[in-house]
Amino acid sequence: MISPMTTDRPQKRYDHRLRELVQRTGDLTIATDLGVPRSTTRGWLRTAPTVVVSLDVADLTELELRQEVLTLRRRVQKLRRVSTTLRQVLMEFSEFFVFGAHSRFFLENFAPGSCRGNDWQLA
């Protein structure tokens, strides 16, 4: 078995926006002037740009952030109510099949304790 390579130093992570800027412009000096190794920036040019999904909350004011939090809290409350309702419906539905009419019919007609002789066989 081949053991994984270990490094003595932790791998550095760079902001995706810097990597994207270097890939878009092709100019290595943008990153190397900031202290990013040249080999790293060359690697960025060799690889395809990665898709990064981010929220545009960095530009929001404190008031807008508070409104966003309130909106998200309302959405979470609504989802909790829906989840609770679905759970209750599922429990009622499963009780119908486990303890409801179907199970009583089976227990009364086909359960081993209720059978005499060959009564359990269907004609």
N, C-alpha and C. Protein backbone atom coordinates (compact mmCIF):
# COMPACT_ATOMS: atom_id res chain seq x y z
N MET A 1 0.84 -1.19 0.00
CA MET A 1 0.00 0.00 0.00
C MET A 1 0.88 1.24 0.00
N ILE A 2 0.52 2.19 -0.81
CA ILE A 2 1.29 3.43 -0.92
C ILE A 2 0.73 4.43 0.08
N SER A 3 1.61 4.96 0.91
CA SER A 3 1.15 5.93 1.90
C SER A 3 1.05 7.30 1.24
N PRO A 4 0.09 8.10 1.70
CA PRO A 4 -0.07 9.43 1.10
C PRO A 4 1.14 10.31 1.42
N MET A 5 1.40 11.24 0.50
CA MET A 5 2.52 12.16 0.71
C MET A 5 2.21 13.09 1.86
N THR A 6 3.21 13.35 2.66
CA THR A 6 3.03 14.30 3.75
C THR A 6 3.95 15.49 3.51
N THR A 7 3.49 16.65 3.89
CA THR A 7 4.31 17.85 3.76
C THR A 7 4.54 18.41 5.15
N ASP A 8 5.67 19.04 5.30
CA ASP A 8 6.01 19.62 6.59
C ASP A 8 5.28 20.94 6.82
N ARG A 9 4.87 21.57 5.74
CA ARG A 9 4.19 22.86 5.90
C ARG A 9 2.75 22.75 5.42
N PRO A 10 1.87 23.52 6.05
CA PRO A 10 0.47 23.47 5.61
C PRO A 10 0.33 24.12 4.24
N GLN A 11 -0.62 23.62 3.45
CA GLN A 11 -0.85 24.16 2.12
C GLN A 11 -1.57 25.50 2.24
N LYS A 12 -1.06 26.49 1.52
CA LYS A 12 -1.68 27.82 1.57
C LYS A 12 -2.89 27.85 0.67
N ARG A 13 -3.86 28.66 1.05
CA ARG A 13 -5.07 28.84 0.25
C ARG A 13 -5.15 30.31 -0.13
N TYR A 14 -5.52 30.53 -1.38
CA TYR A 14 -5.59 31.89 -1.88
C TYR A 14 -7.02 32.21 -2.28
N ASP A 15 -7.34 33.48 -2.22
CA ASP A 15 -8.68 33.94 -2.56
C ASP A 15 -9.02 33.58 -4.00
N HIS A 16 -10.21 33.05 -4.20
CA HIS A 16 -10.62 32.63 -5.54
C HIS A 16 -10.68 33.80 -6.51
N ARG A 17 -10.92 35.00 -6.00
CA ARG A 17 -11.00 36.16 -6.88
C ARG A 17 -9.63 36.52 -7.46
N LEU A 18 -8.57 36.31 -6.66
CA LEU A 18 -7.21 36.55 -7.16
C LEU A 18 -6.87 35.53 -8.24
N ARG A 19 -7.19 34.26 -7.98
CA ARG A 19 -6.93 33.21 -8.96
C ARG A 19 -7.69 33.50 -10.26
N GLU A 20 -8.95 33.92 -10.13
CA GLU A 20 -9.76 34.23 -11.31
C GLU A 20 -9.19 35.41 -12.09
N LEU A 21 -8.68 36.41 -11.39
CA LEU A 21 -8.09 37.58 -12.05
C LEU A 21 -6.85 37.17 -12.84
N VAL A 22 -6.02 36.32 -12.25
CA VAL A 22 -4.82 35.86 -12.96
C VAL A 22 -5.22 35.03 -14.17
N GLN A 23 -6.22 34.18 -14.04
CA GLN A 23 -6.66 33.36 -15.17
C GLN A 23 -7.25 34.23 -16.28
N ARG A 24 -8.01 35.24 -15.90
CA ARG A 24 -8.66 36.09 -16.90
C ARG A 24 -7.66 36.96 -17.65
N THR A 25 -6.70 37.53 -16.91
CA THR A 25 -5.75 38.45 -17.54
C THR A 25 -4.52 37.73 -18.09
N GLY A 26 -4.16 36.59 -17.49
CA GLY A 26 -2.95 35.88 -17.89
C GLY A 26 -1.70 36.53 -17.35
N ASP A 27 -1.84 37.50 -16.46
CA ASP A 27 -0.70 38.24 -15.90
C ASP A 27 -0.31 37.65 -14.55
N LEU A 28 0.86 36.98 -14.52
CA LEU A 28 1.32 36.35 -13.28
C LEU A 28 1.75 37.36 -12.23
N THR A 29 2.22 38.54 -12.68
CA THR A 29 2.80 39.50 -11.74
C THR A 29 1.75 40.06 -10.77
N ILE A 30 0.48 39.97 -11.15
CA ILE A 30 -0.57 40.45 -10.24
C ILE A 30 -0.48 39.69 -8.91
N ALA A 31 -0.32 38.38 -8.99
CA ALA A 31 -0.28 37.56 -7.79
C ALA A 31 1.13 37.48 -7.20
N THR A 32 2.14 37.41 -8.06
CA THR A 32 3.50 37.28 -7.53
C THR A 32 3.92 38.54 -6.77
N ASP A 33 3.41 39.69 -7.18
CA ASP A 33 3.70 40.92 -6.43
C ASP A 33 3.10 40.89 -5.03
N LEU A 34 2.07 40.05 -4.85
CA LEU A 34 1.44 39.92 -3.53
C LEU A 34 2.04 38.77 -2.70
N GLY A 35 3.08 38.11 -3.25
CA GLY A 35 3.75 37.06 -2.50
C GLY A 35 3.33 35.65 -2.84
N VAL A 36 2.52 35.47 -3.86
CA VAL A 36 2.10 34.13 -4.28
C VAL A 36 3.24 33.54 -5.10
N PRO A 37 3.67 32.32 -4.82
CA PRO A 37 4.76 31.72 -5.59
C PRO A 37 4.44 31.63 -7.08
N ARG A 38 5.49 31.80 -7.88
CA ARG A 38 5.34 31.78 -9.33
C ARG A 38 4.80 30.43 -9.82
N SER A 39 5.23 29.35 -9.20
CA SER A 39 4.77 28.02 -9.60
C SER A 39 3.26 27.88 -9.36
N THR A 40 2.77 28.50 -8.32
CA THR A 40 1.34 28.45 -8.01
C THR A 40 0.55 29.19 -9.08
N THR A 41 1.03 30.38 -9.44
CA THR A 41 0.30 31.17 -10.44
C THR A 41 0.34 30.49 -11.80
N ARG A 42 1.46 29.82 -12.13
CA ARG A 42 1.52 29.08 -13.40
C ARG A 42 0.52 27.93 -13.38
N GLY A 43 0.35 27.30 -12.22
CA GLY A 43 -0.65 26.23 -12.08
C GLY A 43 -2.05 26.76 -12.30
N TRP A 44 -2.31 27.97 -11.83
CA TRP A 44 -3.63 28.57 -12.03
C TRP A 44 -3.93 28.76 -13.52
N LEU A 45 -2.89 29.11 -14.29
CA LEU A 45 -3.09 29.32 -15.73
C LEU A 45 -3.30 28.00 -16.47
N ARG A 46 -2.72 26.91 -15.96
CA ARG A 46 -2.86 25.61 -16.62
C ARG A 46 -4.23 24.99 -16.39
N THR A 47 -4.85 25.27 -15.26
CA THR A 47 -6.14 24.65 -14.94
C THR A 47 -7.29 25.52 -15.40
N ALA A 48 -8.43 24.87 -15.63
CA ALA A 48 -9.63 25.60 -16.02
C ALA A 48 -10.18 26.36 -14.81
N PRO A 49 -10.80 27.48 -15.05
CA PRO A 49 -11.38 28.24 -13.93
C PRO A 49 -12.43 27.42 -13.19
N THR A 50 -12.41 27.47 -11.87
CA THR A 50 -13.41 26.75 -11.08
C THR A 50 -14.60 27.66 -10.83
N VAL A 51 -15.76 27.07 -10.75
CA VAL A 51 -16.97 27.83 -10.51
C VAL A 51 -17.13 28.02 -9.01
N VAL A 52 -17.28 29.25 -8.59
CA VAL A 52 -17.46 29.56 -7.18
C VAL A 52 -18.81 30.22 -7.01
N VAL A 53 -19.62 29.70 -6.10
CA VAL A 53 -20.92 30.28 -5.81
C VAL A 53 -20.79 31.06 -4.51
N SER A 54 -21.15 32.31 -4.55
CA SER A 54 -21.07 33.12 -3.34
C SER A 54 -22.28 34.04 -3.27
N LEU A 55 -22.56 34.49 -2.08
CA LEU A 55 -23.68 35.41 -1.87
C LEU A 55 -23.17 36.84 -1.95
N ASP A 56 -24.00 37.69 -2.40
CA ASP A 56 -23.63 39.10 -2.50
C ASP A 56 -24.01 39.83 -1.23
N VAL A 57 -23.58 39.32 -0.08
CA VAL A 57 -23.91 39.97 1.19
C VAL A 57 -22.78 40.86 1.67
N ALA A 58 -21.63 40.80 1.01
CA ALA A 58 -20.50 41.61 1.44
C ALA A 58 -20.79 43.10 1.24
N ASP A 59 -21.64 43.41 0.28
CA ASP A 59 -21.92 44.81 -0.02
C ASP A 59 -23.14 45.36 0.72
N LEU A 60 -23.81 44.52 1.52
CA LEU A 60 -25.02 44.96 2.20
C LEU A 60 -24.70 45.78 3.44
N THR A 61 -25.59 46.71 3.76
CA THR A 61 -25.43 47.49 4.99
C THR A 61 -25.91 46.65 6.17
N GLU A 62 -25.66 47.14 7.37
CA GLU A 62 -26.09 46.42 8.57
C GLU A 62 -27.61 46.25 8.58
N LEU A 63 -28.34 47.29 8.20
CA LEU A 63 -29.80 47.21 8.18
C LEU A 63 -30.26 46.15 7.18
N GLU A 64 -29.65 46.12 6.00
CA GLU A 64 -30.03 45.12 4.99
C GLU A 64 -29.69 43.71 5.45
N LEU A 65 -28.56 43.55 6.16
CA LEU A 65 -28.21 42.24 6.71
C LEU A 65 -29.21 41.79 7.76
N ARG A 66 -29.65 42.72 8.60
CA ARG A 66 -30.66 42.38 9.61
C ARG A 66 -31.97 41.95 8.95
N GLN A 67 -32.37 42.66 7.89
CA GLN A 67 -33.57 42.28 7.16
C GLN A 67 -33.43 40.90 6.53
N GLU A 68 -32.24 40.61 6.00
CA GLU A 68 -31.98 39.29 5.41
C GLU A 68 -32.08 38.20 6.47
N VAL A 69 -31.55 38.45 7.65
CA VAL A 69 -31.63 37.48 8.74
C VAL A 69 -33.08 37.23 9.13
N LEU A 70 -33.87 38.29 9.24
CA LEU A 70 -35.29 38.13 9.58
C LEU A 70 -36.03 37.34 8.50
N THR A 71 -35.75 37.63 7.26
CA THR A 71 -36.38 36.89 6.16
C THR A 71 -36.02 35.42 6.23
N LEU A 72 -34.74 35.12 6.47
CA LEU A 72 -34.31 33.73 6.56
C LEU A 72 -34.92 33.02 7.77
N ARG A 73 -35.05 33.75 8.89
CA ARG A 73 -35.69 33.14 10.07
C ARG A 73 -37.15 32.79 9.79
N ARG A 74 -37.86 33.69 9.10
CA ARG A 74 -39.26 33.40 8.73
C ARG A 74 -39.33 32.18 7.82
N ARG A 75 -38.40 32.08 6.90
CA ARG A 75 -38.38 30.96 5.97
C ARG A 75 -38.12 29.65 6.73
N VAL A 76 -37.20 29.68 7.70
CA VAL A 76 -36.91 28.49 8.51
C VAL A 76 -38.14 28.08 9.31
N GLN A 77 -38.84 29.05 9.91
CA GLN A 77 -40.07 28.74 10.67
C GLN A 77 -41.11 28.07 9.77
N LYS A 78 -41.27 28.61 8.58
CA LYS A 78 -42.24 28.04 7.64
C LYS A 78 -41.85 26.61 7.26
N LEU A 79 -40.57 26.37 7.00
CA LEU A 79 -40.11 25.03 6.67
C LEU A 79 -40.28 24.06 7.83
N ARG A 80 -40.10 24.54 9.05
CA ARG A 80 -40.33 23.69 10.22
C ARG A 80 -41.80 23.29 10.32
N ARG A 81 -42.71 24.25 10.06
CA ARG A 81 -44.13 23.94 10.10
C ARG A 81 -44.50 22.91 9.04
N VAL A 82 -43.97 23.09 7.85
CA VAL A 82 -44.24 22.14 6.76
C VAL A 82 -43.68 20.77 7.13
N SER A 83 -42.49 20.73 7.68
CA SER A 83 -41.87 19.46 8.08
C SER A 83 -42.69 18.76 9.15
N THR A 84 -43.18 19.51 10.12
CA THR A 84 -44.01 18.94 11.18
C THR A 84 -45.30 18.38 10.61
N THR A 85 -45.93 19.13 9.72
CA THR A 85 -47.17 18.67 9.09
C THR A 85 -46.93 17.39 8.29
N LEU A 86 -45.87 17.37 7.51
CA LEU A 86 -45.56 16.18 6.73
C LEU A 86 -45.28 14.97 7.63
N ARG A 87 -44.59 15.21 8.73
CA ARG A 87 -44.29 14.13 9.67
C ARG A 87 -45.59 13.58 10.27
N GLN A 88 -46.52 14.46 10.63
CA GLN A 88 -47.80 14.02 11.19
C GLN A 88 -48.60 13.22 10.17
N VAL A 89 -48.65 13.69 8.94
CA VAL A 89 -49.38 12.98 7.89
C VAL A 89 -48.76 11.62 7.66
N LEU A 90 -47.44 11.57 7.63
CA LEU A 90 -46.75 10.29 7.43
C LEU A 90 -47.05 9.33 8.56
N MET A 91 -47.08 9.82 9.78
CA MET A 91 -47.38 8.95 10.93
C MET A 91 -48.81 8.42 10.84
N GLU A 92 -49.77 9.27 10.50
CA GLU A 92 -51.15 8.82 10.36
C GLU A 92 -51.29 7.82 9.22
N PHE A 93 -50.61 8.07 8.13
CA PHE A 93 -50.66 7.18 6.98
C PHE A 93 -50.05 5.82 7.32
N SER A 94 -48.91 5.84 8.03
CA SER A 94 -48.26 4.57 8.38
C SER A 94 -49.07 3.82 9.42
N GLU A 95 -49.72 4.52 10.36
CA GLU A 95 -50.56 3.85 11.35
C GLU A 95 -51.74 3.17 10.68
N PHE A 96 -52.27 3.74 9.61
CA PHE A 96 -53.38 3.13 8.89
C PHE A 96 -52.96 1.76 8.36
N PHE A 97 -51.77 1.69 7.80
CA PHE A 97 -51.33 0.42 7.21
C PHE A 97 -50.80 -0.55 8.25
N VAL A 98 -50.20 -0.04 9.32
CA VAL A 98 -49.65 -0.93 10.34
C VAL A 98 -50.74 -1.38 11.31
N PHE A 99 -51.56 -0.43 11.76
CA PHE A 99 -52.57 -0.75 12.76
C PHE A 99 -53.99 -0.61 12.25
N GLY A 100 -54.15 -0.22 11.02
CA GLY A 100 -55.47 0.08 10.49
C GLY A 100 -56.19 -1.14 9.93
N ALA A 101 -57.08 -0.86 9.02
CA ALA A 101 -57.98 -1.87 8.47
C ALA A 101 -57.22 -3.02 7.81
N HIS A 102 -56.16 -2.72 7.11
CA HIS A 102 -55.43 -3.77 6.41
C HIS A 102 -54.84 -4.78 7.38
N SER A 103 -54.24 -4.29 8.47
CA SER A 103 -53.62 -5.21 9.42
C SER A 103 -54.67 -6.02 10.17
N ARG A 104 -55.82 -5.40 10.53
CA ARG A 104 -56.87 -6.14 11.23
C ARG A 104 -57.40 -7.27 10.35
N PHE A 105 -57.61 -6.98 9.07
CA PHE A 105 -58.08 -8.00 8.14
C PHE A 105 -57.08 -9.15 8.07
N PHE A 106 -55.81 -8.83 7.99
CA PHE A 106 -54.79 -9.87 7.92
C PHE A 106 -54.77 -10.68 9.21
N LEU A 107 -54.79 -10.01 10.36
CA LEU A 107 -54.70 -10.73 11.63
C LEU A 107 -55.93 -11.60 11.87
N GLU A 108 -57.09 -11.10 11.49
CA GLU A 108 -58.31 -11.88 11.71
C GLU A 108 -58.41 -13.07 10.77
N ASN A 109 -57.89 -12.98 9.58
CA ASN A 109 -58.08 -14.01 8.57
C ASN A 109 -56.87 -14.91 8.32
N PHE A 110 -55.67 -14.42 8.53
CA PHE A 110 -54.52 -15.20 8.11
C PHE A 110 -53.46 -15.41 9.20
N ALA A 111 -53.62 -14.83 10.36
CA ALA A 111 -52.61 -15.00 11.41
C ALA A 111 -52.62 -16.44 11.91
N PRO A 112 -51.46 -17.00 12.28
CA PRO A 112 -51.38 -18.40 12.70
C PRO A 112 -52.30 -18.75 13.86
N GLY A 113 -52.49 -17.88 14.82
CA GLY A 113 -53.32 -18.19 15.98
C GLY A 113 -54.80 -18.26 15.65
N SER A 114 -55.21 -17.65 14.56
CA SER A 114 -56.62 -17.61 14.22
C SER A 114 -57.01 -18.71 13.23
N CYS A 115 -56.08 -19.55 12.84
CA CYS A 115 -56.35 -20.56 11.82
C CYS A 115 -56.62 -21.93 12.46
N ARG A 116 -57.59 -22.63 11.93
CA ARG A 116 -57.87 -23.99 12.36
C ARG A 116 -57.74 -24.92 11.17
N GLY A 117 -56.97 -25.91 11.29
CA GLY A 117 -56.82 -26.88 10.21
C GLY A 117 -56.30 -26.22 8.96
N ASN A 118 -57.02 -26.41 7.87
CA ASN A 118 -56.61 -25.83 6.59
C ASN A 118 -57.38 -24.56 6.26
N ASP A 119 -57.98 -23.92 7.27
CA ASP A 119 -58.74 -22.70 7.03
C ASP A 119 -57.88 -21.57 6.48
N TRP A 120 -56.58 -21.62 6.78
CA TRP A 120 -55.72 -20.52 6.36
C TRP A 120 -55.46 -20.54 4.86
N GLN A 121 -55.71 -21.65 4.22
CA GLN A 121 -55.46 -21.71 2.77
C GLN A 121 -56.63 -21.08 2.03
N LEU A 122 -56.29 -20.32 1.03
CA LEU A 122 -57.33 -19.71 0.20
C LEU A 122 -57.77 -20.73 -0.84
N ALA A 123 -59.08 -20.84 -1.08
CA ALA A 123 -59.61 -21.82 -2.03
C ALA A 123 -59.41 -21.36 -3.44
